């Protein structure tokens, strides 16, 4: 009887340690919606690019400015949706959305992401357009892997998958938009759906 009590106590202690070291309020549905936003953005960009030969699209062109606007809109919608749904899930679970664990999660996520964003801007400045999509995929994947130790393990697998897609797209640079849609769109939808049914629906 005492052995069973000890095992129960050990299990409870382990669960408490996991909760204190992992941010479990991430919403899988937010990932699904972010993927949908990315696919819509990629489709709109494809329509814009299809109207022109890519060699005539310059930094100063109106088409390029529209593509940048679409990209920022996708980013803002994704971040906003994630913040709202994560806040709702945390409130439902009786947890604080802003604590020491979520701070560590955010810091570890932002370090590779900001580095990749600066690198992408430098590539843009030097007219290395073919590498921008792979770089954003690879550094975003690294961000997910780096932050995964503070949240669900599924985020790590998402990051590794996107890194692989980014590396492949480097070799096949003529399909940058398609790989971008695959990485940010399809992967988010697939992994977001898995996380939703695995964690959110319980």
N, C-alpha and C. Protein backbone atom coordinates (compact mmCIF):
# COMPACT_ATOMS: atom_id res chain seq x y z
N UNK A 1 0.83 -1.21 0.00
CA UNK A 1 0.00 0.00 0.00
C UNK A 1 0.87 1.26 0.00
N UNK A 2 1.93 1.24 0.84
CA UNK A 2 2.82 2.39 0.91
C UNK A 2 3.58 2.61 -0.39
N UNK A 3 3.95 1.51 -1.07
CA UNK A 3 4.65 1.61 -2.35
C UNK A 3 3.77 2.29 -3.38
N UNK A 4 2.48 1.96 -3.38
CA UNK A 4 1.54 2.58 -4.32
C UNK A 4 1.42 4.07 -4.05
N UNK A 5 1.39 4.43 -2.75
CA UNK A 5 1.31 5.85 -2.38
C UNK A 5 2.54 6.61 -2.84
N UNK A 6 3.72 5.99 -2.68
CA UNK A 6 4.95 6.62 -3.12
C UNK A 6 4.95 6.85 -4.63
N UNK A 7 4.47 5.83 -5.39
CA UNK A 7 4.41 5.95 -6.85
C UNK A 7 3.44 7.04 -7.26
N UNK A 8 2.33 7.14 -6.53
CA UNK A 8 1.35 8.18 -6.82
C UNK A 8 1.94 9.56 -6.56
N UNK A 9 2.66 9.66 -5.43
CA UNK A 9 3.30 10.95 -5.10
C UNK A 9 4.34 11.34 -6.13
N UNK A 10 5.13 10.36 -6.57
CA UNK A 10 6.16 10.62 -7.58
C UNK A 10 5.53 11.08 -8.89
N UNK A 11 4.42 10.43 -9.28
CA UNK A 11 3.70 10.80 -10.51
C UNK A 11 3.17 12.22 -10.42
N UNK A 12 2.60 12.57 -9.26
CA UNK A 12 2.06 13.92 -9.08
C UNK A 12 3.17 14.97 -9.11
N UNK A 13 4.30 14.65 -8.48
CA UNK A 13 5.44 15.58 -8.48
C UNK A 13 5.96 15.78 -9.90
N UNK A 14 6.02 14.69 -10.67
CA UNK A 14 6.49 14.76 -12.05
C UNK A 14 5.56 15.63 -12.89
N UNK A 15 4.25 15.47 -12.69
CA UNK A 15 3.27 16.28 -13.43
C UNK A 15 3.40 17.75 -13.08
N UNK A 16 3.61 18.05 -11.79
CA UNK A 16 3.78 19.44 -11.36
C UNK A 16 5.05 20.06 -11.97
N UNK A 17 6.12 19.27 -12.03
CA UNK A 17 7.38 19.76 -12.61
C UNK A 17 7.22 20.03 -14.10
N UNK A 18 6.48 19.16 -14.80
CA UNK A 18 6.24 19.36 -16.23
C UNK A 18 5.43 20.62 -16.48
N UNK A 19 4.40 20.84 -15.63
CA UNK A 19 3.56 22.02 -15.79
C UNK A 19 4.33 23.31 -15.52
N UNK A 20 5.26 23.24 -14.56
CA UNK A 20 6.03 24.44 -14.22
C UNK A 20 7.11 24.76 -15.24
N UNK A 21 7.51 23.76 -16.03
CA UNK A 21 8.59 23.96 -16.99
C UNK A 21 8.10 24.03 -18.44
N UNK A 22 6.79 23.79 -18.65
CA UNK A 22 6.25 23.81 -20.01
C UNK A 22 5.03 24.71 -20.08
N UNK A 23 4.96 25.48 -21.15
CA UNK A 23 3.81 26.33 -21.40
C UNK A 23 2.81 25.52 -22.23
N UNK A 24 1.71 25.08 -21.59
CA UNK A 24 0.79 24.14 -22.24
C UNK A 24 -0.49 24.82 -22.75
N UNK A 25 -0.48 26.14 -22.80
CA UNK A 25 -1.68 26.85 -23.23
C UNK A 25 -1.66 27.23 -24.72
N UNK A 26 -0.64 26.76 -25.46
CA UNK A 26 -0.63 27.02 -26.90
C UNK A 26 -1.84 26.38 -27.55
N UNK A 27 -2.46 27.10 -28.45
CA UNK A 27 -3.68 26.62 -29.09
C UNK A 27 -3.37 25.97 -30.45
N UNK A 28 -3.80 24.72 -30.61
CA UNK A 28 -3.63 24.05 -31.90
C UNK A 28 -4.46 24.71 -32.98
N UNK A 29 -5.64 25.21 -32.61
CA UNK A 29 -6.51 25.88 -33.58
C UNK A 29 -5.85 27.12 -34.15
N UNK A 30 -5.04 27.81 -33.32
CA UNK A 30 -4.30 28.99 -33.80
C UNK A 30 -3.33 28.59 -34.90
N UNK A 31 -2.71 27.42 -34.77
CA UNK A 31 -1.81 26.93 -35.81
C UNK A 31 -2.54 26.64 -37.10
N UNK A 32 -3.74 26.05 -36.98
CA UNK A 32 -4.55 25.76 -38.17
C UNK A 32 -4.92 27.06 -38.90
N UNK A 33 -5.37 28.05 -38.15
CA UNK A 33 -5.77 29.32 -38.75
C UNK A 33 -4.56 30.04 -39.36
N UNK A 34 -3.41 29.96 -38.68
CA UNK A 34 -2.19 30.57 -39.24
C UNK A 34 -1.83 29.92 -40.57
N UNK A 35 -2.01 28.62 -40.66
CA UNK A 35 -1.76 27.91 -41.92
C UNK A 35 -2.71 28.35 -43.02
N UNK A 36 -3.97 28.55 -42.66
CA UNK A 36 -4.96 29.01 -43.65
C UNK A 36 -4.62 30.42 -44.12
N UNK A 37 -4.24 31.30 -43.19
CA UNK A 37 -3.83 32.66 -43.56
C UNK A 37 -2.65 32.62 -44.53
N UNK A 38 -1.68 31.73 -44.24
CA UNK A 38 -0.48 31.63 -45.08
C UNK A 38 -0.84 31.14 -46.49
N UNK A 39 -1.75 30.19 -46.58
CA UNK A 39 -2.15 29.68 -47.90
C UNK A 39 -2.88 30.75 -48.70
N UNK A 40 -3.74 31.51 -48.03
CA UNK A 40 -4.44 32.61 -48.71
C UNK A 40 -3.43 33.65 -49.18
N UNK A 41 -2.47 33.99 -48.31
CA UNK A 41 -1.43 34.96 -48.68
C UNK A 41 -0.60 34.48 -49.85
N UNK A 42 -0.23 33.19 -49.84
CA UNK A 42 0.57 32.62 -50.93
C UNK A 42 -0.22 32.64 -52.24
N UNK A 43 -1.53 32.37 -52.15
CA UNK A 43 -2.37 32.37 -53.35
C UNK A 43 -2.48 33.77 -53.94
N UNK A 44 -2.69 34.76 -53.08
CA UNK A 44 -2.78 36.14 -53.55
C UNK A 44 -1.46 36.61 -54.17
N UNK A 45 -0.34 36.23 -53.54
CA UNK A 45 0.97 36.58 -54.08
C UNK A 45 1.20 35.91 -55.43
N UNK A 46 0.74 34.66 -55.55
CA UNK A 46 0.87 33.94 -56.82
C UNK A 46 0.10 34.65 -57.94
N UNK A 47 -1.08 35.15 -57.60
CA UNK A 47 -1.88 35.88 -58.59
C UNK A 47 -1.16 37.16 -59.03
N UNK A 48 -0.57 37.86 -58.06
CA UNK A 48 0.15 39.10 -58.38
C UNK A 48 1.38 38.83 -59.24
N UNK A 49 2.15 37.80 -58.86
CA UNK A 49 3.36 37.46 -59.62
C UNK A 49 3.00 36.97 -61.01
N UNK A 50 1.88 36.28 -61.11
CA UNK A 50 1.46 35.73 -62.40
C UNK A 50 1.14 36.80 -63.44
N UNK A 51 0.86 38.00 -62.97
CA UNK A 51 0.55 39.10 -63.90
C UNK A 51 1.80 39.70 -64.52
N UNK A 52 2.96 39.40 -63.93
CA UNK A 52 4.21 39.98 -64.41
C UNK A 52 5.28 38.90 -64.53
N UNK A 53 6.22 39.15 -65.39
CA UNK A 53 7.41 38.31 -65.40
C UNK A 53 8.23 38.68 -64.19
N UNK A 54 8.66 37.67 -63.40
CA UNK A 54 9.33 37.93 -62.13
C UNK A 54 10.55 38.83 -62.26
N UNK A 55 11.20 38.85 -63.42
CA UNK A 55 12.40 39.67 -63.55
C UNK A 55 12.09 41.16 -63.57
N UNK A 56 10.83 41.52 -63.77
CA UNK A 56 10.45 42.92 -63.80
C UNK A 56 9.91 43.41 -62.46
N UNK A 57 9.81 42.51 -61.48
CA UNK A 57 9.34 42.91 -60.16
C UNK A 57 10.53 43.38 -59.33
N UNK A 58 10.59 44.67 -59.07
CA UNK A 58 11.71 45.25 -58.32
C UNK A 58 11.23 45.70 -56.95
N UNK A 59 12.19 46.11 -56.11
CA UNK A 59 11.84 46.56 -54.77
C UNK A 59 10.92 47.78 -54.80
N UNK A 60 11.06 48.58 -55.82
CA UNK A 60 10.28 49.81 -55.90
C UNK A 60 8.92 49.60 -56.56
N UNK A 61 8.68 48.44 -57.11
CA UNK A 61 7.44 48.20 -57.85
C UNK A 61 6.25 48.08 -56.90
N UNK A 62 5.09 48.45 -57.43
CA UNK A 62 3.85 48.38 -56.65
C UNK A 62 3.49 46.93 -56.34
N UNK A 63 3.80 46.03 -57.26
CA UNK A 63 3.53 44.60 -57.04
C UNK A 63 4.30 44.07 -55.85
N UNK A 64 5.58 44.43 -55.76
CA UNK A 64 6.39 43.98 -54.63
C UNK A 64 5.86 44.54 -53.32
N UNK A 65 5.45 45.79 -53.33
CA UNK A 65 4.91 46.41 -52.13
C UNK A 65 3.63 45.71 -51.68
N UNK A 66 2.81 45.28 -52.63
CA UNK A 66 1.59 44.54 -52.29
C UNK A 66 1.93 43.19 -51.67
N UNK A 67 2.95 42.52 -52.22
CA UNK A 67 3.37 41.22 -51.68
C UNK A 67 3.87 41.38 -50.24
N UNK A 68 4.65 42.44 -49.99
CA UNK A 68 5.13 42.71 -48.63
C UNK A 68 3.95 42.99 -47.70
N UNK A 69 2.97 43.74 -48.19
CA UNK A 69 1.78 44.04 -47.40
C UNK A 69 1.02 42.76 -47.06
N UNK A 70 0.91 41.87 -48.02
CA UNK A 70 0.23 40.58 -47.78
C UNK A 70 0.99 39.78 -46.72
N UNK A 71 2.32 39.75 -46.83
CA UNK A 71 3.14 39.01 -45.87
C UNK A 71 2.97 39.54 -44.45
N UNK A 72 2.98 40.87 -44.30
CA UNK A 72 2.81 41.46 -42.98
C UNK A 72 1.40 41.23 -42.45
N UNK A 73 0.41 41.24 -43.34
CA UNK A 73 -0.98 40.97 -42.93
C UNK A 73 -1.12 39.55 -42.41
N UNK A 74 -0.49 38.60 -43.10
CA UNK A 74 -0.50 37.21 -42.66
C UNK A 74 0.15 37.08 -41.28
N UNK A 75 1.29 37.77 -41.11
CA UNK A 75 2.00 37.72 -39.84
C UNK A 75 1.16 38.30 -38.70
N UNK A 76 0.57 39.47 -38.93
CA UNK A 76 -0.23 40.12 -37.89
C UNK A 76 -1.47 39.30 -37.54
N UNK A 77 -2.14 38.75 -38.56
CA UNK A 77 -3.31 37.91 -38.31
C UNK A 77 -2.94 36.67 -37.52
N UNK A 78 -1.81 36.06 -37.88
CA UNK A 78 -1.37 34.83 -37.20
C UNK A 78 -1.02 35.10 -35.74
N UNK A 79 -0.25 36.18 -35.50
CA UNK A 79 0.15 36.53 -34.14
C UNK A 79 -1.07 36.92 -33.30
N UNK A 80 -1.95 37.73 -33.90
CA UNK A 80 -3.16 38.16 -33.19
C UNK A 80 -4.07 37.00 -32.83
N UNK A 81 -4.27 36.09 -33.79
CA UNK A 81 -5.11 34.91 -33.54
C UNK A 81 -4.50 34.03 -32.46
N UNK A 82 -3.18 33.82 -32.54
CA UNK A 82 -2.49 32.99 -31.55
C UNK A 82 -2.62 33.59 -30.14
N UNK A 83 -2.48 34.91 -30.05
CA UNK A 83 -2.57 35.58 -28.75
C UNK A 83 -3.97 35.45 -28.15
N UNK A 84 -4.98 35.64 -28.99
CA UNK A 84 -6.37 35.58 -28.51
C UNK A 84 -6.75 34.17 -28.08
N UNK A 85 -6.46 33.18 -28.92
CA UNK A 85 -6.84 31.80 -28.61
C UNK A 85 -6.02 31.21 -27.46
N UNK A 86 -4.74 31.59 -27.39
CA UNK A 86 -3.90 31.12 -26.28
C UNK A 86 -4.37 31.74 -24.96
N UNK A 87 -4.74 33.02 -25.00
CA UNK A 87 -5.27 33.68 -23.80
C UNK A 87 -6.56 32.99 -23.35
N UNK A 88 -7.42 32.66 -24.30
CA UNK A 88 -8.68 31.99 -23.98
C UNK A 88 -8.44 30.61 -23.37
N UNK A 89 -7.49 29.86 -23.94
CA UNK A 89 -7.18 28.52 -23.44
C UNK A 89 -6.56 28.59 -22.05
N UNK A 90 -5.66 29.55 -21.84
CA UNK A 90 -5.02 29.71 -20.53
C UNK A 90 -6.06 30.07 -19.47
N UNK A 91 -6.97 30.95 -19.82
CA UNK A 91 -8.03 31.35 -18.89
C UNK A 91 -8.92 30.17 -18.55
N UNK A 92 -9.21 29.36 -19.54
CA UNK A 92 -10.05 28.17 -19.34
C UNK A 92 -9.37 27.16 -18.42
N UNK A 93 -8.04 27.07 -18.52
CA UNK A 93 -7.27 26.14 -17.69
C UNK A 93 -6.88 26.73 -16.35
N UNK A 94 -7.24 28.00 -16.14
CA UNK A 94 -6.91 28.66 -14.88
C UNK A 94 -5.43 28.98 -14.75
N UNK A 95 -4.76 29.25 -15.89
CA UNK A 95 -3.34 29.54 -15.88
C UNK A 95 -3.08 30.97 -16.36
N UNK A 96 -1.94 31.50 -15.99
CA UNK A 96 -1.53 32.82 -16.45
C UNK A 96 -0.81 32.69 -17.79
N UNK A 97 -1.17 33.55 -18.74
CA UNK A 97 -0.54 33.49 -20.06
C UNK A 97 0.87 34.08 -20.01
N UNK A 98 1.11 34.98 -19.06
CA UNK A 98 2.44 35.62 -18.97
C UNK A 98 3.10 35.22 -17.66
N UNK A 99 3.98 34.23 -17.73
CA UNK A 99 4.71 33.77 -16.56
C UNK A 99 6.15 33.49 -16.96
N UNK A 100 6.94 32.96 -16.03
CA UNK A 100 8.36 32.74 -16.31
C UNK A 100 8.58 31.76 -17.45
N UNK A 101 7.70 30.75 -17.55
CA UNK A 101 7.85 29.76 -18.62
C UNK A 101 7.53 30.35 -19.98
N UNK A 102 6.43 31.12 -20.07
CA UNK A 102 6.06 31.73 -21.35
C UNK A 102 7.10 32.78 -21.77
N UNK A 103 7.73 33.43 -20.79
CA UNK A 103 8.79 34.39 -21.11
C UNK A 103 9.98 33.68 -21.74
N UNK A 104 10.38 32.54 -21.14
CA UNK A 104 11.49 31.76 -21.70
C UNK A 104 11.14 31.22 -23.08
N UNK A 105 9.90 30.80 -23.23
CA UNK A 105 9.43 30.31 -24.53
C UNK A 105 9.55 31.40 -25.59
N UNK A 106 9.08 32.59 -25.26
CA UNK A 106 9.10 33.70 -26.22
C UNK A 106 10.52 34.12 -26.57
N UNK A 107 11.39 34.21 -25.56
CA UNK A 107 12.78 34.62 -25.80
C UNK A 107 13.49 33.62 -26.70
N UNK A 108 13.33 32.33 -26.40
CA UNK A 108 13.99 31.29 -27.19
C UNK A 108 13.41 31.20 -28.60
N UNK A 109 12.16 31.58 -28.77
CA UNK A 109 11.54 31.59 -30.09
C UNK A 109 12.02 32.79 -30.91
N UNK A 110 12.14 33.94 -30.25
CA UNK A 110 12.46 35.19 -30.96
C UNK A 110 13.92 35.30 -31.39
N UNK A 111 14.84 34.70 -30.63
CA UNK A 111 16.26 34.85 -30.97
C UNK A 111 16.56 34.37 -32.39
N UNK A 112 16.22 33.11 -32.77
CA UNK A 112 16.46 32.69 -34.16
C UNK A 112 15.57 33.44 -35.15
N UNK A 113 14.32 33.76 -34.72
CA UNK A 113 13.38 34.40 -35.64
C UNK A 113 13.85 35.79 -36.04
N UNK A 114 14.28 36.59 -35.05
CA UNK A 114 14.77 37.95 -35.34
C UNK A 114 16.05 37.88 -36.17
N UNK A 115 16.92 36.93 -35.83
CA UNK A 115 18.16 36.75 -36.59
C UNK A 115 17.84 36.43 -38.05
N UNK A 116 16.89 35.52 -38.26
CA UNK A 116 16.49 35.17 -39.62
C UNK A 116 15.84 36.33 -40.36
N UNK A 117 15.05 37.14 -39.62
CA UNK A 117 14.42 38.31 -40.24
C UNK A 117 15.44 39.32 -40.71
N UNK A 118 16.46 39.58 -39.89
CA UNK A 118 17.53 40.51 -40.28
C UNK A 118 18.31 39.95 -41.47
N UNK A 119 18.59 38.65 -41.42
CA UNK A 119 19.30 38.01 -42.53
C UNK A 119 18.51 38.11 -43.82
N UNK A 120 17.18 37.91 -43.74
CA UNK A 120 16.33 38.01 -44.93
C UNK A 120 16.33 39.43 -45.49
N UNK A 121 16.33 40.43 -44.61
CA UNK A 121 16.39 41.83 -45.06
C UNK A 121 17.71 42.13 -45.76
N UNK A 122 18.80 41.56 -45.25
CA UNK A 122 20.11 41.75 -45.88
C UNK A 122 20.14 41.09 -47.26
N UNK A 123 19.52 39.92 -47.36
CA UNK A 123 19.43 39.25 -48.67
C UNK A 123 18.60 40.09 -49.64
N UNK A 124 17.52 40.66 -49.12
CA UNK A 124 16.66 41.51 -49.94
C UNK A 124 17.43 42.73 -50.43
N UNK A 125 18.20 43.32 -49.54
CA UNK A 125 18.99 44.51 -49.88
C UNK A 125 20.03 44.18 -50.95
N UNK A 126 20.58 42.96 -50.90
CA UNK A 126 21.59 42.55 -51.86
C UNK A 126 21.02 41.81 -53.07
N UNK A 127 19.68 41.89 -53.19
CA UNK A 127 18.96 41.33 -54.34
C UNK A 127 19.15 39.82 -54.49
N UNK A 128 19.31 39.12 -53.39
CA UNK A 128 19.38 37.66 -53.40
C UNK A 128 17.98 37.11 -53.12
N UNK A 129 17.06 37.40 -54.04
CA UNK A 129 15.65 37.09 -53.82
C UNK A 129 15.37 35.60 -53.67
N UNK A 130 16.13 34.78 -54.39
CA UNK A 130 15.87 33.35 -54.39
C UNK A 130 16.10 32.67 -53.06
N UNK A 131 16.85 33.32 -52.16
CA UNK A 131 17.17 32.71 -50.88
C UNK A 131 16.26 33.18 -49.74
N UNK A 132 15.42 34.18 -50.01
CA UNK A 132 14.60 34.76 -48.94
C UNK A 132 13.59 33.76 -48.39
N UNK A 133 12.86 33.08 -49.26
CA UNK A 133 11.88 32.10 -48.80
C UNK A 133 12.53 30.95 -48.03
N UNK A 134 13.61 30.33 -48.55
CA UNK A 134 14.28 29.27 -47.77
C UNK A 134 14.79 29.75 -46.42
N UNK A 135 15.35 30.96 -46.38
CA UNK A 135 15.89 31.49 -45.13
C UNK A 135 14.78 31.68 -44.09
N UNK A 136 13.65 32.24 -44.51
CA UNK A 136 12.54 32.44 -43.57
C UNK A 136 12.02 31.10 -43.05
N UNK A 137 11.97 30.09 -43.91
CA UNK A 137 11.53 28.76 -43.49
C UNK A 137 12.52 28.14 -42.49
N UNK A 138 13.80 28.19 -42.84
CA UNK A 138 14.82 27.55 -42.00
C UNK A 138 14.90 28.20 -40.62
N UNK A 139 14.92 29.52 -40.57
CA UNK A 139 15.04 30.19 -39.28
C UNK A 139 13.76 30.08 -38.46
N UNK A 140 12.62 30.04 -39.13
CA UNK A 140 11.37 29.81 -38.39
C UNK A 140 11.36 28.41 -37.79
N UNK A 141 11.83 27.43 -38.57
CA UNK A 141 11.94 26.07 -38.06
C UNK A 141 12.87 25.99 -36.87
N UNK A 142 14.00 26.69 -36.95
CA UNK A 142 14.95 26.73 -35.83
C UNK A 142 14.31 27.39 -34.60
N UNK A 143 13.47 28.39 -34.83
CA UNK A 143 12.77 29.04 -33.72
C UNK A 143 11.85 28.06 -33.01
N UNK A 144 11.12 27.26 -33.79
CA UNK A 144 10.21 26.27 -33.21
C UNK A 144 10.99 25.22 -32.41
N UNK A 145 12.09 24.74 -32.99
CA UNK A 145 12.91 23.74 -32.29
C UNK A 145 13.48 24.32 -31.00
N UNK A 146 13.96 25.55 -31.07
CA UNK A 146 14.59 26.18 -29.91
C UNK A 146 13.58 26.42 -28.78
N UNK A 147 12.34 26.74 -29.15
CA UNK A 147 11.32 27.04 -28.15
C UNK A 147 10.59 25.79 -27.66
N UNK A 148 10.74 24.69 -28.37
CA UNK A 148 9.94 23.49 -28.09
C UNK A 148 10.20 22.90 -26.70
N UNK A 149 11.37 23.17 -26.14
CA UNK A 149 11.67 22.60 -24.81
C UNK A 149 10.84 23.24 -23.72
N UNK A 150 10.14 24.32 -24.04
CA UNK A 150 9.28 24.99 -23.06
C UNK A 150 7.80 24.79 -23.35
N UNK A 151 7.49 23.92 -24.32
CA UNK A 151 6.09 23.67 -24.65
C UNK A 151 5.94 22.25 -25.19
N UNK A 152 4.92 21.99 -25.98
CA UNK A 152 4.66 20.64 -26.48
C UNK A 152 5.78 20.15 -27.39
N UNK A 153 6.07 18.86 -27.31
CA UNK A 153 7.11 18.26 -28.14
C UNK A 153 6.74 18.33 -29.63
N UNK A 154 5.44 18.41 -29.92
CA UNK A 154 5.00 18.47 -31.32
C UNK A 154 5.57 19.69 -32.03
N UNK A 155 5.80 20.77 -31.30
CA UNK A 155 6.37 21.99 -31.88
C UNK A 155 7.77 21.71 -32.42
N UNK A 156 8.50 20.83 -31.74
CA UNK A 156 9.84 20.44 -32.19
C UNK A 156 9.77 19.73 -33.55
N UNK A 157 8.82 18.82 -33.68
CA UNK A 157 8.66 18.10 -34.95
C UNK A 157 8.21 19.03 -36.07
N UNK A 158 7.35 19.99 -35.72
CA UNK A 158 6.95 21.01 -36.70
C UNK A 158 8.17 21.77 -37.19
N UNK A 159 9.02 22.19 -36.26
CA UNK A 159 10.22 22.94 -36.62
C UNK A 159 11.16 22.14 -37.51
N UNK A 160 11.39 20.87 -37.16
CA UNK A 160 12.28 20.02 -37.97
C UNK A 160 11.73 19.85 -39.37
N UNK A 161 10.42 19.64 -39.47
CA UNK A 161 9.78 19.49 -40.79
C UNK A 161 9.97 20.73 -41.64
N UNK A 162 9.77 21.92 -41.04
CA UNK A 162 9.90 23.17 -41.79
C UNK A 162 11.36 23.43 -42.17
N UNK A 163 12.29 23.06 -41.30
CA UNK A 163 13.72 23.20 -41.65
C UNK A 163 14.06 22.36 -42.89
N UNK A 164 13.57 21.13 -42.92
CA UNK A 164 13.82 20.24 -44.07
C UNK A 164 13.23 20.85 -45.35
N UNK A 165 12.00 21.37 -45.24
CA UNK A 165 11.36 22.01 -46.40
C UNK A 165 12.18 23.20 -46.87
N UNK A 166 12.70 23.99 -45.91
CA UNK A 166 13.53 25.14 -46.26
C UNK A 166 14.80 24.74 -46.97
N UNK A 167 15.44 23.67 -46.53
CA UNK A 167 16.67 23.19 -47.17
C UNK A 167 16.39 22.69 -48.59
N UNK A 168 15.28 21.97 -48.75
CA UNK A 168 14.92 21.48 -50.09
C UNK A 168 14.61 22.64 -51.02
N UNK A 169 13.92 23.66 -50.48
CA UNK A 169 13.56 24.81 -51.32
C UNK A 169 14.79 25.61 -51.73
N UNK A 170 15.88 25.51 -50.97
CA UNK A 170 17.13 26.18 -51.36
C UNK A 170 17.67 25.58 -52.65
N UNK A 171 17.54 24.27 -52.78
CA UNK A 171 17.99 23.59 -53.99
C UNK A 171 17.04 23.84 -55.15
N UNK A 172 15.75 23.93 -54.86
CA UNK A 172 14.74 24.12 -55.91
C UNK A 172 14.17 25.54 -55.79
N UNK A 173 15.02 26.52 -56.01
CA UNK A 173 14.65 27.91 -55.76
C UNK A 173 13.55 28.43 -56.69
N UNK A 174 13.31 27.74 -57.78
CA UNK A 174 12.26 28.19 -58.70
C UNK A 174 10.86 27.97 -58.17
N UNK A 175 10.75 27.23 -57.06
CA UNK A 175 9.45 26.93 -56.48
C UNK A 175 9.35 27.49 -55.06
N UNK A 176 9.95 28.64 -54.85
CA UNK A 176 10.03 29.24 -53.51
C UNK A 176 8.65 29.47 -52.90
N UNK A 177 7.73 30.02 -53.68
CA UNK A 177 6.40 30.33 -53.16
C UNK A 177 5.65 29.06 -52.79
N UNK A 178 5.80 28.01 -53.61
CA UNK A 178 5.13 26.74 -53.32
C UNK A 178 5.66 26.11 -52.03
N UNK A 179 6.99 26.16 -51.84
CA UNK A 179 7.57 25.61 -50.61
C UNK A 179 7.18 26.47 -49.41
N UNK A 180 7.10 27.76 -49.61
CA UNK A 180 6.69 28.67 -48.53
C UNK A 180 5.26 28.33 -48.09
N UNK A 181 4.39 28.08 -49.07
CA UNK A 181 3.01 27.70 -48.76
C UNK A 181 2.96 26.35 -48.06
N UNK A 182 3.82 25.43 -48.49
CA UNK A 182 3.88 24.10 -47.87
C UNK A 182 4.34 24.20 -46.41
N UNK A 183 5.41 24.97 -46.19
CA UNK A 183 5.96 25.08 -44.84
C UNK A 183 5.07 25.85 -43.89
N UNK A 184 4.72 27.08 -44.26
CA UNK A 184 3.93 27.93 -43.36
C UNK A 184 2.44 27.63 -43.41
N UNK A 185 1.98 27.09 -44.55
CA UNK A 185 0.56 26.81 -44.68
C UNK A 185 0.18 25.40 -44.29
N UNK A 186 0.56 24.44 -45.11
CA UNK A 186 0.15 23.05 -44.91
C UNK A 186 0.66 22.48 -43.59
N UNK A 187 1.94 22.71 -43.28
CA UNK A 187 2.52 22.17 -42.04
C UNK A 187 1.81 22.70 -40.80
N UNK A 188 1.48 23.98 -40.80
CA UNK A 188 0.77 24.55 -39.66
C UNK A 188 -0.62 23.93 -39.52
N UNK A 189 -1.28 23.71 -40.63
CA UNK A 189 -2.62 23.12 -40.59
C UNK A 189 -2.55 21.69 -40.06
N UNK A 190 -1.59 20.90 -40.57
CA UNK A 190 -1.45 19.50 -40.16
C UNK A 190 -1.09 19.40 -38.68
N UNK A 191 -0.02 20.10 -38.26
CA UNK A 191 0.41 20.01 -36.87
C UNK A 191 -0.58 20.69 -35.92
N UNK A 192 -1.21 21.78 -36.38
CA UNK A 192 -2.22 22.44 -35.56
C UNK A 192 -3.42 21.55 -35.31
N UNK A 193 -3.82 20.80 -36.34
CA UNK A 193 -4.93 19.86 -36.20
C UNK A 193 -4.58 18.75 -35.22
N UNK A 194 -3.36 18.22 -35.35
CA UNK A 194 -2.90 17.16 -34.43
C UNK A 194 -2.90 17.67 -32.99
N UNK A 195 -2.36 18.86 -32.78
CA UNK A 195 -2.29 19.42 -31.43
C UNK A 195 -3.68 19.73 -30.88
N UNK A 196 -4.58 20.17 -31.75
CA UNK A 196 -5.95 20.49 -31.30
C UNK A 196 -6.64 19.25 -30.75
N UNK A 197 -6.58 18.15 -31.50
CA UNK A 197 -7.26 16.93 -31.06
C UNK A 197 -6.49 16.21 -29.95
N UNK A 198 -5.18 16.45 -29.88
CA UNK A 198 -4.35 15.80 -28.88
C UNK A 198 -4.39 16.49 -27.52
N UNK A 199 -4.51 17.82 -27.53
CA UNK A 199 -4.45 18.57 -26.28
C UNK A 199 -5.69 19.43 -26.02
N UNK A 200 -6.14 20.20 -27.03
CA UNK A 200 -7.21 21.17 -26.81
C UNK A 200 -8.57 20.52 -26.55
N UNK A 201 -8.85 19.40 -27.23
CA UNK A 201 -10.17 18.81 -27.14
C UNK A 201 -10.37 17.94 -25.90
N UNK A 202 -9.29 17.79 -25.10
CA UNK A 202 -9.42 16.98 -23.88
C UNK A 202 -10.22 17.73 -22.82
